[in-house]
Protein backbone atom coordinates (compact mmCIF):
# COMPACT_ATOMS: atom_id res chain seq x y z
CA UNK A 1 16.73 -16.61 -36.08
CA UNK A 2 18.63 -19.15 -33.21
CA UNK A 3 18.02 -18.97 -30.03
CA UNK A 4 20.65 -18.07 -27.25
CA UNK A 5 22.07 -21.19 -25.62
CA UNK A 6 20.09 -21.87 -22.26
CA UNK A 7 17.17 -19.28 -23.25
CA UNK A 8 13.57 -20.04 -23.31
CA UNK A 9 11.28 -19.10 -26.21
CA UNK A 10 8.93 -16.39 -25.56
CA UNK A 11 5.24 -18.04 -26.30
CA UNK A 12 2.70 -16.01 -27.96
CA UNK A 13 -0.17 -15.35 -25.15
CA UNK A 14 -3.56 -16.05 -26.35
CA UNK A 15 -5.60 -13.05 -25.34
CA UNK A 16 -9.09 -13.60 -24.71
CA UNK A 17 -11.07 -10.77 -25.88
CA UNK A 18 -14.00 -10.63 -23.92
CA UNK A 19 -12.61 -10.65 -21.03
CA UNK A 20 -11.94 -7.58 -18.74
CA UNK A 21 -10.68 -8.96 -15.51
CA UNK A 22 -6.96 -10.27 -15.07
CA UNK A 23 -5.55 -12.44 -12.39
CA UNK A 24 -1.96 -12.07 -11.55
CA UNK A 25 -0.51 -15.05 -9.37
CA UNK A 26 2.83 -15.51 -7.68
CA UNK A 27 2.71 -19.71 -6.80
CA UNK A 28 5.59 -18.84 -4.41
CA UNK A 29 4.16 -16.12 -2.46
CA UNK A 30 3.71 -17.24 1.46
CA UNK A 31 4.36 -21.32 -0.09
CA UNK A 32 0.71 -21.30 -0.15
CA UNK A 33 -0.39 -23.62 -2.80
CA UNK A 34 -3.73 -24.96 -1.68
CA UNK A 35 -5.28 -21.28 -1.55
CA UNK A 36 -4.14 -20.76 -4.99
CA UNK A 37 -5.63 -23.66 -6.11
CA UNK A 38 -9.07 -22.95 -4.47
CA UNK A 39 -9.19 -19.64 -6.67
CA UNK A 40 -7.95 -21.01 -9.81
CA UNK A 41 -10.68 -24.06 -9.37
CA UNK A 42 -13.28 -21.22 -8.09
CA UNK A 43 -16.17 -20.68 -10.03
CA UNK A 44 -15.75 -16.69 -10.55
CA UNK A 45 -12.07 -17.75 -12.17
CA UNK A 46 -14.18 -18.54 -15.16
CA UNK A 47 -14.20 -14.90 -15.90
CA UNK A 48 -10.55 -14.02 -15.59
CA UNK A 49 -7.70 -14.07 -17.40
CA UNK A 50 -4.96 -15.65 -15.72
CA UNK A 51 -1.28 -14.78 -15.21
CA UNK A 52 0.91 -17.17 -13.00
CA UNK A 53 4.22 -16.92 -12.89
CA UNK A 54 7.05 -16.82 -10.04
CA UNK A 55 9.17 -14.36 -12.30
CA UNK A 56 7.81 -10.47 -12.21
CA UNK A 57 9.84 -9.99 -15.47
CA UNK A 58 6.95 -11.99 -17.37
CA UNK A 59 4.03 -9.25 -16.44
CA UNK A 60 5.12 -6.45 -17.99
CA UNK A 61 4.94 -7.99 -21.72
CA UNK A 62 2.17 -9.75 -20.44
CA UNK A 63 -0.20 -6.74 -19.52
CA UNK A 64 0.85 -4.68 -22.70
CA UNK A 65 -0.36 -7.99 -24.72
CA UNK A 66 -3.57 -7.49 -23.05
CA UNK A 67 -3.80 -3.53 -23.98
CA UNK A 68 -6.43 -1.40 -22.59
CA UNK A 69 -9.11 -4.26 -22.39
CA UNK A 70 -7.79 -5.19 -19.11
CA UNK A 71 -10.35 -2.80 -16.52
CA UNK A 72 -9.36 -4.71 -13.38
CA UNK A 73 -6.20 -6.46 -12.20
CA UNK A 74 -6.39 -9.30 -9.10
CA UNK A 75 -3.04 -9.79 -7.57
CA UNK A 76 -2.50 -13.07 -5.74
CA UNK A 77 1.10 -12.69 -3.94
CA UNK A 78 2.29 -10.63 -0.92
CA UNK A 79 3.60 -7.21 -0.46
CA UNK A 80 6.95 -7.83 -2.34
CA UNK A 81 4.40 -9.38 -5.24
CA UNK A 82 2.47 -6.25 -5.07
CA UNK A 83 5.59 -3.81 -5.09
CA UNK A 84 7.21 -5.37 -8.53
CA UNK A 85 4.04 -5.42 -10.48
CA UNK A 86 3.62 -1.87 -9.71
CA UNK A 87 7.05 -1.27 -10.91
CA UNK A 88 6.46 -2.48 -13.98
CA UNK A 89 3.23 -0.56 -14.54
CA UNK A 90 3.40 2.10 -17.62
CA UNK A 91 1.62 5.40 -16.55
CA UNK A 92 -1.32 4.93 -19.12
CA UNK A 93 -2.00 1.80 -17.24
CA UNK A 94 -2.90 3.32 -13.88
CA UNK A 95 -5.60 5.56 -15.20
CA UNK A 96 -7.41 2.33 -16.95
CA UNK A 97 -7.02 -0.49 -14.24
CA UNK A 98 -8.25 -0.89 -10.87
CA UNK A 99 -6.00 -2.81 -9.07
CA UNK A 100 -7.65 -5.64 -6.35
CA UNK A 101 -4.91 -6.60 -3.65
CA UNK A 102 -6.39 -10.12 -2.69
CA UNK A 103 -3.84 -11.25 0.04
CA UNK A 104 -1.61 -14.45 -0.40
CA UNK A 105 1.74 -13.23 0.80
CA UNK A 106 3.21 -13.92 4.16
CA UNK A 107 2.24 -9.94 5.65
CA UNK A 108 -0.70 -8.60 3.20
CA UNK A 109 0.12 -5.34 4.87
CA UNK A 110 -1.71 -3.14 2.03
CA UNK A 111 -4.42 -5.95 1.03
CA UNK A 112 -5.29 -5.68 4.77
CA UNK A 113 -5.06 -1.25 4.92
CA UNK A 114 -7.45 -2.32 1.44
CA UNK A 115 -9.83 -3.97 3.79
CA UNK A 116 -9.11 -7.37 2.44
CA UNK A 117 -8.05 -9.44 5.33
CA UNK A 118 -9.85 -12.56 5.00
CA UNK A 119 -8.99 -15.85 2.82
CA UNK A 120 -7.79 -14.97 -0.57
CA UNK A 121 -10.05 -16.68 -2.04
CA UNK A 122 -13.07 -14.90 0.12
CA UNK A 123 -11.26 -11.59 -1.08
CA UNK A 124 -11.01 -12.83 -4.68
CA UNK A 125 -14.97 -13.85 -4.67
CA UNK A 126 -15.88 -10.59 -2.77
CA UNK A 127 -14.27 -8.24 -5.49
CA UNK A 128 -15.42 -10.48 -8.75
CA UNK A 129 -18.98 -10.63 -7.51
CA UNK A 130 -18.59 -6.65 -6.84
CA UNK A 131 -17.15 -5.68 -9.89
CA UNK A 132 -19.79 -7.65 -11.88
CA UNK A 133 -22.75 -6.09 -10.27
CA UNK A 134 -21.00 -2.68 -10.41
CA UNK A 135 -20.46 -2.14 -6.44
CA UNK A 136 -16.77 -2.63 -6.42
CA UNK A 137 -15.78 0.69 -4.16
CA UNK A 138 -12.33 2.38 -5.28
CA UNK A 139 -9.62 4.19 -3.22
CA UNK A 140 -7.64 6.47 -5.36
CA UNK A 141 -3.86 5.91 -3.66
CA UNK A 142 -0.65 7.49 -4.69
CA UNK A 143 2.10 5.85 -4.91
CA UNK A 144 5.87 6.40 -3.29
CA UNK A 145 8.82 6.51 -6.50
CA UNK A 146 12.12 5.60 -4.71
CA UNK A 147 14.94 6.72 -6.62
CA UNK A 148 18.55 5.88 -6.28
CA UNK A 149 21.13 5.48 -8.51
CA UNK A 150 19.66 4.55 -11.67
CA UNK A 151 16.74 2.70 -10.03
CA UNK A 152 13.14 3.74 -9.88
CA UNK A 153 10.98 1.87 -7.57
CA UNK A 154 7.09 2.07 -6.48
CA UNK A 155 5.29 1.46 -3.24
CA UNK A 156 3.87 2.09 -0.13
CA UNK A 157 6.35 1.92 2.09
CA UNK A 158 10.17 3.23 2.60
CA UNK A 159 12.62 2.62 5.34
CA UNK A 160 16.06 2.97 6.08
CA UNK A 161 18.42 2.04 9.18
CA UNK A 162 18.82 -0.87 11.65
CA UNK A 163 15.66 -1.98 11.74
CA UNK A 164 16.23 -2.53 7.84
CA UNK A 165 19.53 -4.52 8.39
CA UNK A 166 17.29 -6.68 11.08
CA UNK A 167 14.62 -7.21 8.47
CA UNK A 168 17.38 -8.29 6.05
CA UNK A 169 18.64 -10.84 8.51
CA UNK A 170 15.63 -12.16 8.66
CA UNK A 171 14.81 -12.38 4.78
CA UNK A 172 17.93 -14.41 4.87
CA UNK A 173 17.30 -17.00 6.44
CA UNK A 174 14.02 -19.45 7.31
CA UNK A 175 10.98 -17.62 7.62
CA UNK A 176 8.71 -18.06 10.19
CA UNK A 177 7.45 -16.87 13.42
CA UNK A 178 10.15 -18.97 15.20
CA UNK A 179 12.69 -17.43 13.48
CA UNK A 180 11.26 -13.81 13.63
CA UNK A 181 11.19 -14.49 17.80
CA UNK A 182 14.77 -15.83 17.55
CA UNK A 183 15.79 -12.66 15.74
CA UNK A 184 13.45 -10.00 17.70
CA UNK A 185 15.32 -11.45 21.02
CA UNK A 186 18.52 -11.46 19.50
CA UNK A 187 18.46 -7.61 18.68
CA UNK A 188 16.75 -6.88 22.34
CA UNK A 189 20.01 -8.64 23.77
CA UNK A 190 21.95 -6.40 21.41
CA UNK A 191 20.35 -3.39 22.17
CA UNK A 192 20.74 -3.56 26.06
CA UNK A 193 23.84 -6.30 26.90
CA UNK A 194 26.13 -5.54 23.59
CA UNK A 195 25.34 -9.34 22.74
CA UNK A 196 25.58 -11.09 20.07
CA UNK A 197 28.39 -9.05 18.34
CA UNK A 198 27.00 -9.77 15.34
CA UNK A 199 23.84 -8.30 15.99
CA UNK A 200 25.19 -5.30 17.85
CA UNK A 201 26.83 -3.99 14.22
CA UNK A 202 23.29 -4.48 13.01
CA UNK A 203 21.83 -1.95 15.23
CA UNK A 204 24.48 0.82 14.94
CA UNK A 205 23.05 4.19 13.71
CA UNK A 206 22.82 5.14 10.49
CA UNK A 207 25.05 8.23 9.50
CA UNK A 208 22.77 9.86 7.34
CA UNK A 209 21.83 13.73 6.39
CA UNK A 210 17.74 13.81 6.12
CA UNK A 211 15.76 16.24 4.34
CA UNK A 212 12.40 16.87 4.71
CA UNK A 213 10.61 18.90 1.91
CA UNK A 214 14.04 20.82 1.29
CA UNK A 215 14.75 21.45 4.92
CA UNK A 216 17.22 19.36 6.75
CA UNK A 217 17.02 18.04 10.07
CA UNK A 218 19.16 18.72 12.96
CA UNK A 219 20.83 15.11 13.62
CA UNK A 220 23.03 12.86 11.98
CA UNK A 221 22.61 9.17 13.50
CA UNK A 222 19.20 7.85 13.02
CA UNK A 223 17.81 4.46 14.24
CA UNK A 224 14.89 4.47 11.78
CA UNK A 225 14.04 6.87 8.80
CA UNK A 226 10.19 6.11 7.06
CA UNK A 227 8.16 7.24 4.51
CA UNK A 228 4.84 5.76 4.13
CA UNK A 229 1.23 6.04 2.19
CA UNK A 230 -1.22 3.97 4.32
CA UNK A 231 -0.51 5.10 7.81
CA UNK A 232 0.76 1.42 8.88
CA UNK A 233 4.07 -0.69 8.58
CA UNK A 234 3.49 -3.55 9.89
CA UNK A 235 -0.47 -5.43 10.49
CA UNK A 236 -0.64 -3.96 14.08
CA UNK A 237 2.33 -1.22 13.64
CA UNK A 238 0.89 2.23 13.28
CA UNK A 239 3.48 5.07 14.20
CA UNK A 240 2.13 8.25 12.50
CA UNK A 241 -0.08 10.77 14.30
CA UNK A 242 -0.90 12.77 11.68
CA UNK A 243 -3.24 12.86 8.39
CA UNK A 244 -1.81 12.76 5.30
CA UNK A 245 -2.96 15.26 2.29
CA UNK A 246 -3.55 14.55 -1.03
CA UNK A 247 -0.22 15.88 -1.85
CA UNK A 248 2.02 14.49 0.98
CA UNK A 249 3.14 11.20 2.63
CA UNK A 250 3.41 10.21 5.79
CA UNK A 251 7.56 10.35 7.35
CA UNK A 252 8.69 9.34 10.63
CA UNK A 253 12.45 9.47 11.97
CA UNK A 254 14.00 9.19 15.36
CA UNK A 255 17.76 10.12 16.35
CA UNK A 256 17.63 7.85 18.88
CA UNK A 257 20.37 4.84 20.30
CA UNK A 258 19.05 1.68 19.08
CA UNK A 259 18.41 0.83 23.22
CA UNK A 260 16.27 3.46 23.42
CA UNK A 261 13.96 2.57 20.35
CA UNK A 262 13.71 -0.64 21.82
CA UNK A 263 12.29 0.48 24.94
CA UNK A 264 10.22 2.74 22.72
CA UNK A 265 9.18 0.67 20.04
CA UNK A 266 5.82 -0.72 21.70
CA UNK A 267 4.57 2.88 22.13
CA UNK A 268 5.90 3.99 18.81
CA UNK A 269 3.97 0.67 16.74
CA UNK A 270 0.77 2.87 18.75
CA UNK A 271 1.43 6.58 17.61
CA UNK A 272 2.25 7.05 20.97
CA UNK A 273 4.89 9.54 21.16
CA UNK A 274 8.01 9.26 22.83
CA UNK A 275 8.73 11.49 26.31
CA UNK A 276 11.67 13.77 26.21
CA UNK A 277 12.81 12.73 29.69
CA UNK A 278 15.47 15.52 30.31
CA UNK A 279 12.37 18.33 29.74
CA UNK A 280 10.40 16.19 32.01
CA UNK A 281 12.30 16.46 34.92
CA UNK A 282 13.57 19.90 34.47
CA UNK A 283 9.45 20.79 34.45
CA UNK A 284 8.87 18.37 37.62
CA UNK A 285 11.46 20.80 38.97
CA UNK A 286 10.30 22.37 42.59
CA UNK A 287 10.91 26.09 41.46
CA UNK A 288 8.29 25.39 38.48
CA UNK A 289 4.66 25.89 38.96
CA UNK A 290 1.33 26.11 37.13
CA UNK A 291 1.42 25.83 33.34
CA UNK A 292 5.38 25.11 33.34
CA UNK A 293 4.58 21.64 34.94
CA UNK A 294 1.68 20.50 32.51
CA UNK A 295 1.91 18.41 29.59
CA UNK A 296 4.33 15.84 28.80
CA UNK A 297 7.12 17.08 26.59
CA UNK A 298 8.07 15.06 23.33
CA UNK A 299 11.39 13.98 22.21
CA UNK A 300 12.29 16.11 19.76
CA UNK A 301 14.73 13.80 18.10
CA UNK A 302 11.53 11.99 17.01
CA UNK A 303 10.28 13.30 13.68
CA UNK A 304 6.50 12.08 12.64
CA UNK A 305 4.92 14.73 10.23
CA UNK A 306 4.00 14.67 6.74
CA UNK A 307 6.16 15.41 3.61
CA UNK A 308 6.06 15.78 -0.06
CA UNK A 309 9.55 14.89 -0.78
CA UNK A 310 12.10 13.05 1.42
CA UNK A 311 15.81 13.37 0.33
CA UNK A 312 18.09 10.59 2.37
CA UNK A 313 21.91 11.06 2.17
CA UNK A 314 24.09 8.14 3.08
CA UNK A 315 26.37 5.67 2.60
CA UNK A 316 24.06 2.77 3.92
CA UNK A 317 23.84 0.17 1.62
CA UNK A 318 20.23 -1.02 1.90
CA UNK A 319 17.10 0.40 2.39
CA UNK A 320 13.25 -1.50 1.88
CA UNK A 321 10.12 -1.01 -0.37
CA UNK A 322 7.27 -2.94 0.35
CA UNK A 323 9.25 -5.18 2.63
CA UNK A 324 11.64 -5.97 -0.34
CA UNK A 325 15.20 -5.30 0.37
CA UNK A 326 17.29 -3.45 -2.00
CA UNK A 327 20.89 -2.31 -2.65
CA UNK A 328 21.66 1.19 -2.36
CA UNK A 329 23.66 1.79 -5.68
CA UNK A 330 24.09 5.53 -4.65
CA UNK A 331 24.87 7.65 -1.47
CA UNK A 332 21.63 9.63 -2.01
CA UNK A 333 18.18 8.22 -2.11
CA UNK A 334 14.95 10.57 -2.85
CA UNK A 335 11.11 9.76 -1.86
CA UNK A 336 8.41 11.48 -4.07
CA UNK A 337 4.52 11.21 -4.34
CA UNK A 338 4.23 9.38 -8.32
CA UNK A 339 1.55 7.87 -10.00
CA UNK A 340 -1.85 7.38 -8.77
CA UNK A 341 -3.67 4.10 -8.94
CA UNK A 342 -7.12 2.93 -8.01
CA UNK A 343 -7.45 0.31 -5.61
CA UNK A 344 -10.42 -1.75 -4.78
CA UNK A 345 -11.43 -1.57 -1.12
CA UNK A 346 -14.02 -2.88 0.65
CA UNK A 347 -17.12 -1.36 2.63
CA UNK A 348 -15.48 -2.02 5.79
CA UNK A 349 -12.06 -0.55 4.71
CA UNK A 350 -12.17 2.28 7.27
CA UNK A 351 -12.59 0.15 9.81
CA UNK A 352 -10.48 -1.55 12.99
CA UNK A 353 -9.72 -4.85 12.06
CA UNK A 354 -11.86 -6.32 14.92
CA UNK A 355 -14.83 -4.67 13.66
CA UNK A 356 -14.13 -5.24 10.30
CA UNK A 357 -14.14 -8.79 10.58
CA UNK A 358 -17.16 -8.89 12.60
CA UNK A 359 -18.97 -6.85 9.91
CA UNK A 360 -17.95 -9.50 7.73
CA UNK A 361 -19.29 -11.75 9.07
CA UNK A 362 -22.75 -10.30 9.62
CA UNK A 363 -22.89 -9.42 5.64
CA UNK A 364 -22.08 -13.12 5.15
């Protein structure tokens, strides 16, 4: 049969039957070609089958061709690469293979949560050696399943609101620390000074009806709405104050103005609840004494809890899953728990990052 004009014939992939380890590489991740080359040239790489592609559309048929022989899937790439791979996992694949996130992207939020915050080559070697000696530690983890219109997306972090619009502005430009700092400064200026005008529009509160486990939250303008599995949004940003159970995810939402969340953000990022200043002033009134004056009242507009289901009804036209900006093609977005996957973790995954690096240095 003639190939359609402009198409590339699909090459038959030769499968090395005696290899159980798959290495999926996105060479575009973080622009770090040298790091990827170190992995591909390493001694440990001789034990793996390689799928090197910057098109995630190639991944699903490649995994299908490998059949049930694949026992360990290592992913070199950032959170966006991981999210797109998870989207393409068939239900049966999640029961048969362990996934190892070895880093390689810009943020590597989920890889860091798994304890792999060293250079990708070190993470890769540690995973392969632990697997070969039967010492690889696993963590069974649920994925969020986000449905919008006819689209299903899997991941660890879901977000909507003005913060996501600002993230989209960053994603559309030249990425880097300088660009990130400039956008952060413009956002702060727009929140407090209402200038520049284009950022002021980005920071307008999102009009939405938000339901947690079927119960409507009593506000309709939001600065941010999050659902999360790992407990962190970005490295160093851990806003959640509760522990999720097996059948729930973490949820946070704030029905505040942009200037309020800009002021509170450093505290929220550390899991410190915002204070309800109006209630605090009433407690400190001279006619209140004893128990009535004790404690710091939290802002009732800030919701920080766990849930099994989140539904957002809104005309907002974008949302994010694991840092990937996605168009909202419908006015209703539903977030539930979905597939459970087995993730490889380091022995120090539960430690704070500073202690983890110290423990890893001693182990070496």
